[in-house]
Protein backbone atom coordinates (compact mmCIF):
# COMPACT_ATOMS: atom_id res chain seq x y z
CA MET A 1 9.73 -1.36 14.96
CA ASN A 2 9.39 2.40 14.99
CA PHE A 3 6.40 4.62 14.33
CA ILE A 4 5.97 5.44 10.66
CA ASP A 5 7.84 8.64 9.85
CA GLU A 6 6.42 10.78 7.04
CA ASN A 7 9.98 11.68 6.00
CA ASN A 8 11.22 8.08 5.97
CA CYS A 9 8.43 6.12 4.29
CA LEU A 10 6.74 5.40 1.01
CA VAL A 11 3.41 3.84 0.08
CA LEU A 12 3.28 0.71 -2.07
CA VAL A 13 -0.08 -0.07 -3.72
CA ILE A 14 -0.29 -3.58 -5.15
CA ASP A 15 -2.74 -4.37 -7.98
CA VAL A 16 -5.87 -2.43 -6.96
CA GLN A 17 -7.25 -2.95 -10.47
CA GLU A 18 -10.69 -3.07 -12.03
CA ARG A 19 -11.15 -6.83 -12.41
CA LEU A 20 -9.41 -7.65 -9.14
CA VAL A 21 -11.43 -5.18 -7.05
CA ALA A 22 -14.60 -6.70 -8.51
CA SER A 23 -13.55 -10.19 -7.38
CA VAL A 24 -12.61 -9.61 -3.72
CA PHE A 25 -14.78 -10.08 -0.64
CA ASP A 26 -14.29 -6.49 0.58
CA GLY A 27 -16.08 -4.19 -1.83
CA ASN A 28 -14.88 -1.03 -0.05
CA ILE A 29 -11.14 -1.60 -0.38
CA ALA A 30 -10.67 0.95 -3.17
CA GLU A 31 -12.21 3.73 -1.08
CA ARG A 32 -9.76 3.16 1.78
CA VAL A 33 -6.74 2.76 -0.52
CA ALA A 34 -7.75 6.02 -2.22
CA LYS A 35 -7.70 7.77 1.18
CA LEU A 36 -4.21 6.43 1.90
CA VAL A 37 -2.96 7.58 -1.51
CA LYS A 38 -4.55 11.00 -1.05
CA GLY A 39 -3.09 11.29 2.45
CA ALA A 40 0.34 10.36 1.12
CA GLU A 41 0.03 12.99 -1.59
CA ILE A 42 -0.99 15.66 0.95
CA LEU A 43 2.03 14.77 3.11
CA GLY A 44 4.48 14.47 0.21
CA VAL A 45 5.03 10.76 0.78
CA PRO A 46 6.02 8.97 -2.45
CA THR A 47 3.67 6.29 -3.79
CA VAL A 48 4.68 3.34 -5.95
CA VAL A 49 1.91 1.42 -7.72
CA SER A 50 1.93 -1.96 -9.44
CA GLU A 51 -0.56 -3.22 -11.99
CA GLN A 52 -0.62 -6.98 -12.59
CA TYR A 53 -1.07 -7.66 -16.31
CA PRO A 54 -3.28 -4.59 -16.97
CA LYS A 55 -4.27 -5.79 -20.46
CA GLY A 56 -6.29 -8.55 -18.84
CA LEU A 57 -7.07 -7.15 -15.39
CA GLY A 58 -7.53 -3.46 -16.18
CA ASN A 59 -5.73 -0.48 -14.73
CA THR A 60 -5.79 0.82 -11.18
CA VAL A 61 -9.40 1.70 -10.33
CA LYS A 62 -10.35 5.32 -10.88
CA ALA A 63 -11.21 5.92 -7.20
CA VAL A 64 -7.52 5.33 -6.45
CA SER A 65 -5.80 6.62 -9.60
CA GLU A 66 -7.58 9.99 -9.50
CA ASN A 67 -5.58 10.66 -6.32
CA PHE A 68 -2.20 10.05 -7.94
CA GLY A 69 0.04 13.08 -7.91
CA GLU A 70 3.54 14.05 -8.88
CA ASN A 71 4.97 11.71 -6.22
CA THR A 72 3.35 8.61 -7.80
CA PHE A 73 5.17 6.00 -9.90
CA VAL A 74 3.04 3.37 -11.71
CA THR A 75 4.35 0.30 -13.51
CA GLU A 76 3.22 -3.10 -14.77
CA LYS A 77 4.20 -6.44 -13.32
CA THR A 78 3.69 -10.12 -14.01
CA SER A 79 5.47 -11.60 -10.96
CA PHE A 80 3.48 -12.13 -7.78
CA SER A 81 6.10 -10.31 -5.72
CA PHE A 82 6.55 -6.79 -7.06
CA LEU A 83 10.22 -6.99 -6.09
CA ARG A 84 10.81 -9.74 -8.66
CA GLU A 85 10.25 -7.23 -11.48
CA GLY A 86 13.49 -5.96 -12.91
CA GLY A 87 14.64 -2.71 -11.38
CA ILE A 88 11.81 -2.32 -8.85
CA LEU A 89 13.90 -2.95 -5.75
CA ASP A 90 16.41 -0.38 -7.03
CA LYS A 91 13.54 2.05 -7.72
CA ILE A 92 12.20 1.62 -4.18
CA LYS A 93 15.70 2.02 -2.70
CA SER A 94 16.23 5.18 -4.79
CA TYR A 95 13.72 7.04 -2.62
CA GLY A 96 16.07 6.62 0.35
CA LYS A 97 13.24 5.53 2.67
CA LYS A 98 13.48 2.74 5.25
CA GLN A 99 9.75 2.20 5.86
CA VAL A 100 7.12 0.90 3.46
CA ILE A 101 3.34 1.06 3.93
CA ILE A 102 1.85 -1.67 1.76
CA CYS A 103 -1.72 -2.39 0.68
CA GLY A 104 -3.48 -4.12 -2.21
CA ILE A 105 -4.84 -7.29 -3.75
CA GLU A 106 -4.58 -10.23 -3.14
CA THR A 107 -3.49 -10.23 0.48
CA HIS A 108 -2.27 -13.82 0.51
CA ILE A 109 -0.45 -13.75 -2.82
CA CYS A 110 0.99 -10.51 -4.22
CA VAL A 111 0.85 -8.40 -1.06
CA TYR A 112 2.25 -11.23 1.09
CA GLN A 113 5.11 -12.13 -1.26
CA THR A 114 6.06 -8.48 -1.76
CA ALA A 115 5.96 -7.74 1.97
CA VAL A 116 8.20 -10.70 2.83
CA GLU A 117 10.75 -9.73 0.17
CA LEU A 118 10.73 -6.12 1.44
CA ILE A 119 11.40 -7.36 4.98
CA ASN A 120 14.19 -9.59 3.69
CA ALA A 121 15.65 -6.55 1.89
CA GLY A 122 15.84 -4.68 5.21
CA PHE A 123 12.70 -2.51 5.08
CA GLU A 124 10.27 -1.94 7.96
CA VAL A 125 6.90 -2.96 6.53
CA THR A 126 3.50 -1.82 7.76
CA VAL A 127 0.53 -3.59 6.17
CA MET A 128 -2.67 -1.56 5.90
CA THR A 129 -5.04 -4.35 6.92
CA ASP A 130 -8.21 -2.62 5.72
CA GLY A 131 -6.45 -1.73 2.47
CA CYS A 132 -5.88 -5.37 1.52
CA SER A 133 -8.30 -8.00 0.31
CA SER A 134 -8.56 -11.40 -1.37
CA ARG A 135 -11.29 -13.32 -3.11
CA ARG A 136 -11.99 -15.18 0.12
CA GLU A 137 -11.80 -13.72 3.63
CA PHE A 138 -10.05 -16.85 4.90
CA GLU A 139 -7.18 -16.28 2.45
CA HIS A 140 -7.00 -12.59 3.40
CA ASN A 141 -6.71 -13.47 7.10
CA THR A 142 -4.10 -16.14 6.35
CA GLY A 143 -2.02 -13.62 4.40
CA LEU A 144 -2.18 -11.09 7.24
CA ARG A 145 -1.06 -13.71 9.79
CA LEU A 146 1.83 -14.80 7.56
CA MET A 147 3.03 -11.23 7.03
CA GLU A 148 2.88 -10.48 10.75
CA LYS A 149 4.80 -13.66 11.52
CA ALA A 150 7.44 -12.62 8.95
CA GLY A 151 7.91 -9.32 10.82
CA ALA A 152 5.43 -6.93 9.24
CA ARG A 153 3.41 -4.60 11.40
CA LEU A 154 -0.37 -4.59 10.92
CA ALA A 155 -2.31 -1.31 11.08
CA SER A 156 -5.53 0.22 9.78
CA LEU A 157 -5.91 3.31 7.59
CA GLU A 158 -6.65 5.56 10.57
CA VAL A 159 -3.73 4.22 12.62
CA ILE A 160 -1.40 4.91 9.69
CA LEU A 161 -2.68 8.41 8.89
CA PHE A 162 -2.65 9.60 12.49
CA GLU A 163 0.76 8.03 13.09
CA LEU A 164 2.12 9.99 10.13
CA LEU A 165 0.68 13.20 11.59
CA ARG A 166 1.81 12.54 15.20
CA GLY A 167 -0.42 15.37 16.51
CA ALA A 168 -3.04 18.00 15.80
CA LYS A 169 -0.35 20.68 15.39
CA HIS A 170 0.93 19.08 12.17
CA PRO A 171 0.48 21.68 9.39
CA LYS A 172 -1.49 19.19 7.25
CA PHE A 173 -3.63 17.83 10.12
CA LYS A 174 -6.95 19.27 8.93
CA ASP A 175 -6.40 18.16 5.33
CA VAL A 176 -5.60 14.58 6.36
CA GLN A 177 -8.28 14.43 9.05
CA ALA A 178 -10.87 15.45 6.44
CA LEU A 179 -10.16 12.20 4.57
CA ILE A 180 -11.65 10.06 7.34
CA LYS A 181 -14.57 12.17 8.51
C-alpha cells in the first residue's frame, strides 16, 4: 500500500446522517468527518457522500454538509454496500482515482461492506478509524478488524491529513493544519 496521494484519491462518506449520528457510541464523529471533508475541499480532493434512506434517517448532519463544496457528490442509497447502488461504482471510477478514504456509520455494516467491495474492485482503501462509528463500540471494533483483514489500511484523521500534505511546504499546509488545532 502506498501513501495517500492528494491527486489520486477521493473521500467516501457513508451515512453520517441525523438519526444515525444520534444513535452511535461516539458522539464526536461528525466533527471529525467534517474536518476530513473540509480538508478534502481545501485540497481539491473529490468527495462522494451516501445517505441511507434519508426520508427516515434524515440527511447528512449539518456539521458535515456545510463543508460540502463543488467537488462533492451526494446521493441516496438503500443497500448496505454503497457499491450495490446502480451506477455508483461507475461514478467512483469516473474520477480516475485509485485510492479511497472511507468513513461513516455504521462501521460494521455499511462502511465494512463498502470497503470490502472497493478492495475487490481494485481500489486501495484507507479507513478513517476516528471517522467511523456504530451503535456499540464492540461492533465498531469488529468492523475495523474485518476491514483491515480484507486489506484496508487503518488511519486517523490527523494521519490522513498530514499524509495528504506530505510536508510543511505544501501550499495548503496552514489551511489544513488549522482544521486540527
